Amino acid sequence: MFLRREPVPFAFVSEADRFRSNVTPPPRERLGRTQLLARTLVGLTVVAGLAGSLLLGMPALQPSKVPEKSQQSEASQGR
């Protein structure tokens, strides 16, 4: 697209995006049983916490029933 680039004071900065390494990174190590179990337990704890907060919070989100009789103070009834 744009072949012309602005001059850069440091040549290595402008050529850094074109640099390709021929060295491959080492393969990832497999997780051990302990690490896998720990991550699973953390995930289950997070999911259980979200589900519990949803279940406990649902009644608060429901619209409350409107009382049939309006509430008035006793002082206003005597007038």
PDB file of N, CA and C in Angstrom:
ATOM      1  N   MET A   1       0.827  -1.179   0.000  1.00  0.00           N
ATOM      2  CA  MET A   1       0.000   0.000   0.000  1.00  0.00           C
ATOM      3  C   MET A   1       0.876   1.248   0.000  1.00  0.00           C
ATOM      4  N   PHE A   2       1.458   1.577   1.150  1.00  0.00           N
ATOM      5  CA  PHE A   2       2.338   2.729   1.262  1.00  0.00           C
ATOM      6  C   PHE A   2       3.775   2.228   1.305  1.00  0.00           C
ATOM      7  N   LEU A   3       4.485   2.388   0.214  1.00  0.00           N
ATOM      8  CA  LEU A   3       5.860   1.923   0.172  1.00  0.00           C
ATOM      9  C   LEU A   3       6.817   2.960   0.726  1.00  0.00           C
ATOM     10  N   ARG A   4       6.451   4.221   0.644  1.00  0.00           N
ATOM     11  CA  ARG A   4       7.319   5.277   1.154  1.00  0.00           C
ATOM     12  C   ARG A   4       7.101   5.449   2.632  1.00  0.00           C
ATOM     13  N   ARG A   5       8.170   5.545   3.359  1.00  0.00           N
ATOM     14  CA  ARG A   5       8.088   5.772   4.801  1.00  0.00           C
ATOM     15  C   ARG A   5       8.841   7.050   5.136  1.00  0.00           C
ATOM     16  N   GLU A   6       8.427   7.637   6.234  1.00  0.00           N
ATOM     17  CA  GLU A   6       9.124   8.848   6.672  1.00  0.00           C
ATOM     18  C   GLU A   6      10.484   8.472   7.235  1.00  0.00           C
ATOM     19  N   PRO A   7      11.435   9.359   7.122  1.00  0.00           N
ATOM     20  CA  PRO A   7      12.759   9.052   7.678  1.00  0.00           C
ATOM     21  C   PRO A   7      12.692   8.962   9.202  1.00  0.00           C
ATOM     22  N   VAL A   8      13.381   7.979   9.717  1.00  0.00           N
ATOM     23  CA  VAL A   8      13.405   7.742  11.156  1.00  0.00           C
ATOM     24  C   VAL A   8      14.832   7.959  11.625  1.00  0.00           C
ATOM     25  N   PRO A   9      15.005   8.604  12.786  1.00  0.00           N
ATOM     26  CA  PRO A   9      16.370   8.855  13.235  1.00  0.00           C
ATOM     27  C   PRO A   9      17.184   7.579  13.462  1.00  0.00           C
ATOM     28  N   PHE A  10      16.522   6.522  13.836  1.00  0.00           N
ATOM     29  CA  PHE A  10      17.226   5.262  14.077  1.00  0.00           C
ATOM     30  C   PHE A  10      16.750   4.246  13.047  1.00  0.00           C
ATOM     31  N   ALA A  11      17.637   3.752  12.242  1.00  0.00           N
ATOM     32  CA  ALA A  11      17.279   2.861  11.142  1.00  0.00           C
ATOM     33  C   ALA A  11      16.705   1.549  11.654  1.00  0.00           C
ATOM     34  N   PHE A  12      17.189   1.050  12.795  1.00  0.00           N
ATOM     35  CA  PHE A  12      16.710  -0.238  13.271  1.00  0.00           C
ATOM     36  C   PHE A  12      15.247  -0.175  13.705  1.00  0.00           C
ATOM     37  N   VAL A  13      14.766   0.984  14.061  1.00  0.00           N
ATOM     38  CA  VAL A  13      13.359   1.111  14.451  1.00  0.00           C
ATOM     39  C   VAL A  13      12.461   0.925  13.239  1.00  0.00           C
ATOM     40  N   SER A  14      12.842   1.499  12.119  1.00  0.00           N
ATOM     41  CA  SER A  14      12.011   1.387  10.919  1.00  0.00           C
ATOM     42  C   SER A  14      12.065  -0.005  10.316  1.00  0.00           C
ATOM     43  N   GLU A  15      13.146  -0.730  10.534  1.00  0.00           N
ATOM     44  CA  GLU A  15      13.265  -2.068   9.966  1.00  0.00           C
ATOM     45  C   GLU A  15      12.833  -3.161  10.931  1.00  0.00           C
ATOM     46  N   ALA A  16      12.456  -2.809  12.129  1.00  0.00           N
ATOM     47  CA  ALA A  16      12.079  -3.810  13.126  1.00  0.00           C
ATOM     48  C   ALA A  16      10.819  -4.565  12.726  1.00  0.00           C
ATOM     49  N   ASP A  17       9.898  -3.905  12.024  1.00  0.00           N
ATOM     50  CA  ASP A  17       8.664  -4.598  11.646  1.00  0.00           C
ATOM     51  C   ASP A  17       8.902  -5.612  10.532  1.00  0.00           C
ATOM     52  N   ARG A  18      10.008  -5.506   9.817  1.00  0.00           N
ATOM     53  CA  ARG A  18      10.297  -6.449   8.744  1.00  0.00           C
ATOM     54  C   ARG A  18      11.174  -7.601   9.197  1.00  0.00           C
ATOM     55  N   PHE A  19      11.655  -7.550  10.418  1.00  0.00           N
ATOM     56  CA  PHE A  19      12.580  -8.572  10.902  1.00  0.00           C
ATOM     57  C   PHE A  19      11.827  -9.858  11.224  1.00  0.00           C
ATOM     58  N   ARG A  20      12.325 -10.961  10.726  1.00  0.00           N
ATOM     59  CA  ARG A  20      11.763 -12.277  11.015  1.00  0.00           C
ATOM     60  C   ARG A  20      12.857 -13.154  11.583  1.00  0.00           C
ATOM     61  N   SER A  21      12.568 -13.777  12.681  1.00  0.00           N
ATOM     62  CA  SER A  21      13.551 -14.656  13.290  1.00  0.00           C
ATOM     63  C   SER A  21      13.391 -16.064  12.738  1.00  0.00           C
ATOM     64  N   ASN A  22      14.508 -16.747  12.544  1.00  0.00           N
ATOM     65  CA  ASN A  22      14.445 -18.132  12.084  1.00  0.00           C
ATOM     66  C   ASN A  22      14.567 -19.107  13.261  1.00  0.00           C
ATOM     67  N   VAL A  23      14.536 -18.576  14.465  1.00  0.00           N
ATOM     68  CA  VAL A  23      14.619 -19.409  15.661  1.00  0.00           C
ATOM     69  C   VAL A  23      13.203 -19.652  16.177  1.00  0.00           C
ATOM     70  N   THR A  24      12.829 -20.902  16.275  1.00  0.00           N
ATOM     71  CA  THR A  24      11.491 -21.209  16.783  1.00  0.00           C
ATOM     72  C   THR A  24      11.521 -21.284  18.306  1.00  0.00           C
ATOM     73  N   PRO A  25      10.493 -20.762  18.947  1.00  0.00           N
ATOM     74  CA  PRO A  25      10.461 -20.830  20.403  1.00  0.00           C
ATOM     75  C   PRO A  25      10.274 -22.271  20.867  1.00  0.00           C
ATOM     76  N   PRO A  26      10.707 -22.568  22.067  1.00  0.00           N
ATOM     77  CA  PRO A  26      10.539 -23.946  22.558  1.00  0.00           C
ATOM     78  C   PRO A  26       9.062 -24.265  22.757  1.00  0.00           C
ATOM     79  N   PRO A  27       8.684 -25.528  22.649  1.00  0.00           N
ATOM     80  CA  PRO A  27       7.267 -25.891  22.839  1.00  0.00           C
ATOM     81  C   PRO A  27       6.846 -25.650  24.290  1.00  0.00           C
ATOM     82  N   ARG A  28       5.565 -25.373  24.465  1.00  0.00           N
ATOM     83  CA  ARG A  28       5.040 -25.137  25.803  1.00  0.00           C
ATOM     84  C   ARG A  28       5.090 -26.415  26.622  1.00  0.00           C
ATOM     85  N   GLU A  29       5.364 -26.216  27.899  1.00  0.00           N
ATOM     86  CA  GLU A  29       5.360 -27.366  28.792  1.00  0.00           C
ATOM     87  C   GLU A  29       3.923 -27.732  29.124  1.00  0.00           C
ATOM     88  N   ARG A  30       3.685 -29.019  29.247  1.00  0.00           N
ATOM     89  CA  ARG A  30       2.342 -29.481  29.612  1.00  0.00           C
ATOM     90  C   ARG A  30       2.098 -29.212  31.083  1.00  0.00           C
ATOM     91  N   LEU A  31       0.850 -28.922  31.394  1.00  0.00           N
ATOM     92  CA  LEU A  31       0.490 -28.677  32.784  1.00  0.00           C
ATOM     93  C   LEU A  31       0.500 -29.983  33.561  1.00  0.00           C
ATOM     94  N   GLY A  32       0.974 -29.919  34.787  1.00  0.00           N
ATOM     95  CA  GLY A  32       0.949 -31.090  35.648  1.00  0.00           C
ATOM     96  C   GLY A  32      -0.451 -31.302  36.212  1.00  0.00           C
ATOM     97  N   ARG A  33      -0.642 -32.415  36.854  1.00  0.00           N
ATOM     98  CA  ARG A  33      -1.955 -32.715  37.434  1.00  0.00           C
ATOM     99  C   ARG A  33      -2.354 -31.691  38.479  1.00  0.00           C
ATOM    100  N   THR A  34      -1.375 -31.283  39.292  1.00  0.00           N
ATOM    101  CA  THR A  34      -1.671 -30.322  40.356  1.00  0.00           C
ATOM    102  C   THR A  34      -2.110 -28.986  39.776  1.00  0.00           C
ATOM    103  N   GLN A  35      -1.404 -28.507  38.765  1.00  0.00           N
ATOM    104  CA  GLN A  35      -1.764 -27.237  38.151  1.00  0.00           C
ATOM    105  C   GLN A  35      -3.110 -27.324  37.453  1.00  0.00           C
ATOM    106  N   LEU A  36      -3.362 -28.420  36.777  1.00  0.00           N
ATOM    107  CA  LEU A  36      -4.632 -28.602  36.095  1.00  0.00           C
ATOM    108  C   LEU A  36      -5.784 -28.643  37.095  1.00  0.00           C
ATOM    109  N   LEU A  37      -5.593 -29.361  38.205  1.00  0.00           N
ATOM    110  CA  LEU A  37      -6.618 -29.437  39.239  1.00  0.00           C
ATOM    111  C   LEU A  37      -6.842 -28.069  39.882  1.00  0.00           C
ATOM    112  N   ALA A  38      -5.779 -27.330  40.126  1.00  0.00           N
ATOM    113  CA  ALA A  38      -5.901 -26.008  40.738  1.00  0.00           C
ATOM    114  C   ALA A  38      -6.668 -25.055  39.827  1.00  0.00           C
ATOM    115  N   ARG A  39      -6.350 -25.057  38.550  1.00  0.00           N
ATOM    116  CA  ARG A  39      -7.062 -24.178  37.612  1.00  0.00           C
ATOM    117  C   ARG A  39      -8.533 -24.575  37.490  1.00  0.00           C
ATOM    118  N   THR A  40      -8.797 -25.871  37.510  1.00  0.00           N
ATOM    119  CA  THR A  40     -10.181 -26.333  37.436  1.00  0.00           C
ATOM    120  C   THR A  40     -10.956 -25.889  38.674  1.00  0.00           C
ATOM    121  N   LEU A  41     -10.354 -26.027  39.845  1.00  0.00           N
ATOM    122  CA  LEU A  41     -11.033 -25.614  41.077  1.00  0.00           C
ATOM    123  C   LEU A  41     -11.276 -24.112  41.119  1.00  0.00           C
ATOM    124  N   VAL A  42     -10.327 -23.335  40.651  1.00  0.00           N
ATOM    125  CA  VAL A  42     -10.520 -21.883  40.604  1.00  0.00           C
ATOM    126  C   VAL A  42     -11.666 -21.538  39.651  1.00  0.00           C
ATOM    127  N   GLY A  43     -11.694 -22.178  38.499  1.00  0.00           N
ATOM    128  CA  GLY A  43     -12.780 -21.929  37.543  1.00  0.00           C
ATOM    129  C   GLY A  43     -14.133 -22.311  38.097  1.00  0.00           C
ATOM    130  N   LEU A  44     -14.194 -23.478  38.754  1.00  0.00           N
ATOM    131  CA  LEU A  44     -15.467 -23.899  39.347  1.00  0.00           C
ATOM    132  C   LEU A  44     -15.902 -22.966  40.477  1.00  0.00           C
ATOM    133  N   THR A  45     -14.946 -22.467  41.245  1.00  0.00           N
ATOM    134  CA  THR A  45     -15.277 -21.535  42.319  1.00  0.00           C
ATOM    135  C   THR A  45     -15.843 -20.235  41.765  1.00  0.00           C
ATOM    136  N   VAL A  46     -15.263 -19.737  40.698  1.00  0.00           N
ATOM    137  CA  VAL A  46     -15.761 -18.510  40.077  1.00  0.00           C
ATOM    138  C   VAL A  46     -17.164 -18.724  39.523  1.00  0.00           C
ATOM    139  N   VAL A  47     -17.371 -19.829  38.828  1.00  0.00           N
ATOM    140  CA  VAL A  47     -18.695 -20.113  38.259  1.00  0.00           C
ATOM    141  C   VAL A  47     -19.727 -20.304  39.362  1.00  0.00           C
ATOM    142  N   ALA A  48     -19.364 -21.015  40.432  1.00  0.00           N
ATOM    143  CA  ALA A  48     -20.298 -21.220  41.539  1.00  0.00           C
ATOM    144  C   ALA A  48     -20.622 -19.896  42.231  1.00  0.00           C
ATOM    145  N   GLY A  49     -19.647 -19.026  42.365  1.00  0.00           N
ATOM    146  CA  GLY A  49     -19.903 -17.715  42.968  1.00  0.00           C
ATOM    147  C   GLY A  49     -20.843 -16.879  42.128  1.00  0.00           C
ATOM    148  N   LEU A  50     -20.653 -16.888  40.813  1.00  0.00           N
ATOM    149  CA  LEU A  50     -21.554 -16.135  39.937  1.00  0.00           C
ATOM    150  C   LEU A  50     -22.969 -16.712  39.961  1.00  0.00           C
ATOM    151  N   ALA A  51     -23.072 -18.035  39.940  1.00  0.00           N
ATOM    152  CA  ALA A  51     -24.390 -18.665  39.973  1.00  0.00           C
ATOM    153  C   ALA A  51     -25.075 -18.404  41.318  1.00  0.00           C
ATOM    154  N   GLY A  52     -24.318 -18.480  42.399  1.00  0.00           N
ATOM    155  CA  GLY A  52     -24.901 -18.215  43.717  1.00  0.00           C
ATOM    156  C   GLY A  52     -25.363 -16.781  43.868  1.00  0.00           C
ATOM    157  N   SER A  53     -24.574 -15.841  43.382  1.00  0.00           N
ATOM    158  CA  SER A  53     -24.987 -14.446  43.479  1.00  0.00           C
ATOM    159  C   SER A  53     -26.209 -14.173  42.610  1.00  0.00           C
ATOM    160  N   LEU A  54     -26.301 -14.865  41.498  1.00  0.00           N
ATOM    161  CA  LEU A  54     -27.487 -14.703  40.651  1.00  0.00           C
ATOM    162  C   LEU A  54     -28.718 -15.264  41.342  1.00  0.00           C
ATOM    163  N   LEU A  55     -28.577 -16.457  41.940  1.00  0.00           N
ATOM    164  CA  LEU A  55     -29.723 -17.057  42.619  1.00  0.00           C
ATOM    165  C   LEU A  55     -30.156 -16.241  43.835  1.00  0.00           C
ATOM    166  N   LEU A  56     -29.192 -15.737  44.587  1.00  0.00           N
ATOM    167  CA  LEU A  56     -29.542 -14.946  45.769  1.00  0.00           C
ATOM    168  C   LEU A  56     -30.010 -13.540  45.405  1.00  0.00           C
ATOM    169  N   GLY A  57     -29.583 -13.038  44.273  1.00  0.00           N
ATOM    170  CA  GLY A  57     -29.955 -11.689  43.878  1.00  0.00           C
ATOM    171  C   GLY A  57     -31.252 -11.600  43.105  1.00  0.00           C
ATOM    172  N   MET A  58     -31.739 -12.715  42.584  1.00  0.00           N
ATOM    173  CA  MET A  58     -32.975 -12.679  41.794  1.00  0.00           C
ATOM    174  C   MET A  58     -34.186 -12.159  42.576  1.00  0.00           C
ATOM    175  N   PRO A  59     -34.400 -12.551  43.831  1.00  0.00           N
ATOM    176  CA  PRO A  59     -35.560 -11.999  44.544  1.00  0.00           C
ATOM    177  C   PRO A  59     -35.490 -10.478  44.691  1.00  0.00           C
ATOM    178  N   ALA A  60     -34.310  -9.921  44.789  1.00  0.00           N
ATOM    179  CA  ALA A  60     -34.188  -8.474  44.920  1.00  0.00           C
ATOM    180  C   ALA A  60     -34.510  -7.769  43.610  1.00  0.00           C
ATOM    181  N   LEU A  61     -34.389  -8.464  42.484  1.00  0.00           N
ATOM    182  CA  LEU A  61     -34.672  -7.857  41.199  1.00  0.00           C
ATOM    183  C   LEU A  61     -36.149  -7.940  40.814  1.00  0.00           C
ATOM    184  N   GLN A  62     -36.903  -8.772  41.508  1.00  0.00           N
ATOM    185  CA  GLN A  62     -38.326  -8.918  41.214  1.00  0.00           C
ATOM    186  C   GLN A  62     -39.086  -7.686  41.702  1.00  0.00           C
ATOM    187  N   PRO A  63     -40.074  -7.233  40.945  1.00  0.00           N
ATOM    188  CA  PRO A  63     -40.863  -6.083  41.412  1.00  0.00           C
ATOM    189  C   PRO A  63     -41.666  -6.481  42.651  1.00  0.00           C
ATOM    190  N   SER A  64     -41.644  -5.610  43.629  1.00  0.00           N
ATOM    191  CA  SER A  64     -42.365  -5.923  44.864  1.00  0.00           C
ATOM    192  C   SER A  64     -43.851  -5.659  44.675  1.00  0.00           C
ATOM    193  N   LYS A  65     -44.662  -6.353  45.465  1.00  0.00           N
ATOM    194  CA  LYS A  65     -46.107  -6.165  45.387  1.00  0.00           C
ATOM    195  C   LYS A  65     -46.467  -4.823  46.010  1.00  0.00           C
ATOM    196  N   VAL A  66     -47.360  -4.123  45.348  1.00  0.00           N
ATOM    197  CA  VAL A  66     -47.787  -2.813  45.844  1.00  0.00           C
ATOM    198  C   VAL A  66     -48.810  -3.047  46.943  1.00  0.00           C
ATOM    199  N   PRO A  67     -48.634  -2.438  48.115  1.00  0.00           N
ATOM    200  CA  PRO A  67     -49.627  -2.616  49.178  1.00  0.00           C
ATOM    201  C   PRO A  67     -50.955  -2.000  48.772  1.00  0.00           C
ATOM    202  N   GLU A  68     -52.057  -2.682  49.161  1.00  0.00           N
ATOM    203  CA  GLU A  68     -53.384  -2.202  48.787  1.00  0.00           C
ATOM    204  C   GLU A  68     -53.747  -0.920  49.534  1.00  0.00           C
ATOM    205  N   LYS A  69     -53.349  -0.823  50.774  1.00  0.00           N
ATOM    206  CA  LYS A  69     -53.660   0.355  51.567  1.00  0.00           C
ATOM    207  C   LYS A  69     -52.416   1.235  51.617  1.00  0.00           C
ATOM    208  N   SER A  70     -52.585   2.495  51.287  1.00  0.00           N
ATOM    209  CA  SER A  70     -51.432   3.381  51.320  1.00  0.00           C
ATOM    210  C   SER A  70     -51.044   3.657  52.765  1.00  0.00           C
ATOM    211  N   GLN A  71     -49.797   3.791  52.981  1.00  0.00           N
ATOM    212  CA  GLN A  71     -49.312   4.005  54.339  1.00  0.00           C
ATOM    213  C   GLN A  71     -49.359   5.487  54.676  1.00  0.00           C
ATOM    214  N   GLN A  72     -49.968   5.783  55.795  1.00  0.00           N
ATOM    215  CA  GLN A  72     -50.030   7.157  56.272  1.00  0.00           C
ATOM    216  C   GLN A  72     -49.651   7.155  57.742  1.00  0.00           C
ATOM    217  N   SER A  73     -49.091   8.259  58.153  1.00  0.00           N
ATOM    218  CA  SER A  73     -48.713   8.350  59.544  1.00  0.00           C
ATOM    219  C   SER A  73     -49.932   8.593  60.432  1.00  0.00           C
ATOM    220  N   GLU A  74     -49.826   8.278  61.691  1.00  0.00           N
ATOM    221  CA  GLU A  74     -50.952   8.478  62.614  1.00  0.00           C
ATOM    222  C   GLU A  74     -51.223   9.939  62.842  1.00  0.00           C
ATOM    223  N   ALA A  75     -50.227  10.787  62.699  1.00  0.00           N
ATOM    224  CA  ALA A  75     -50.419  12.227  62.909  1.00  0.00           C
ATOM    225  C   ALA A  75     -51.316  12.812  61.853  1.00  0.00           C
ATOM    226  N   SER A  76     -51.255  12.310  60.629  1.00  0.00           N
ATOM    227  CA  SER A  76     -52.090  12.884  59.561  1.00  0.00           C
ATOM    228  C   SER A  76     -53.535  12.408  59.646  1.00  0.00           C
ATOM    229  N   GLN A  77     -53.823  11.344  60.369  1.00  0.00           N
ATOM    230  CA  GLN A  77     -55.196  10.849  60.466  1.00  0.00           C
ATOM    231  C   GLN A  77     -56.029  11.687  61.431  1.00  0.00           C
ATOM    232  N   GLY A  78     -55.438  12.309  62.377  1.00  0.00           N
ATOM    233  CA  GLY A  78     -56.196  13.081  63.356  1.00  0.00           C
ATOM    234  C   GLY A  78     -56.603  14.449  62.901  1.00  0.00           C
ATOM    235  N   ARG A  79     -56.253  14.870  61.771  1.00  0.00           N
ATOM    236  CA  ARG A  79     -56.584  16.230  61.319  1.00  0.00           C
ATOM    237  C   ARG A  79     -57.862  16.320  60.601  1.00  0.00           C
TER     238      ARG A  79
END
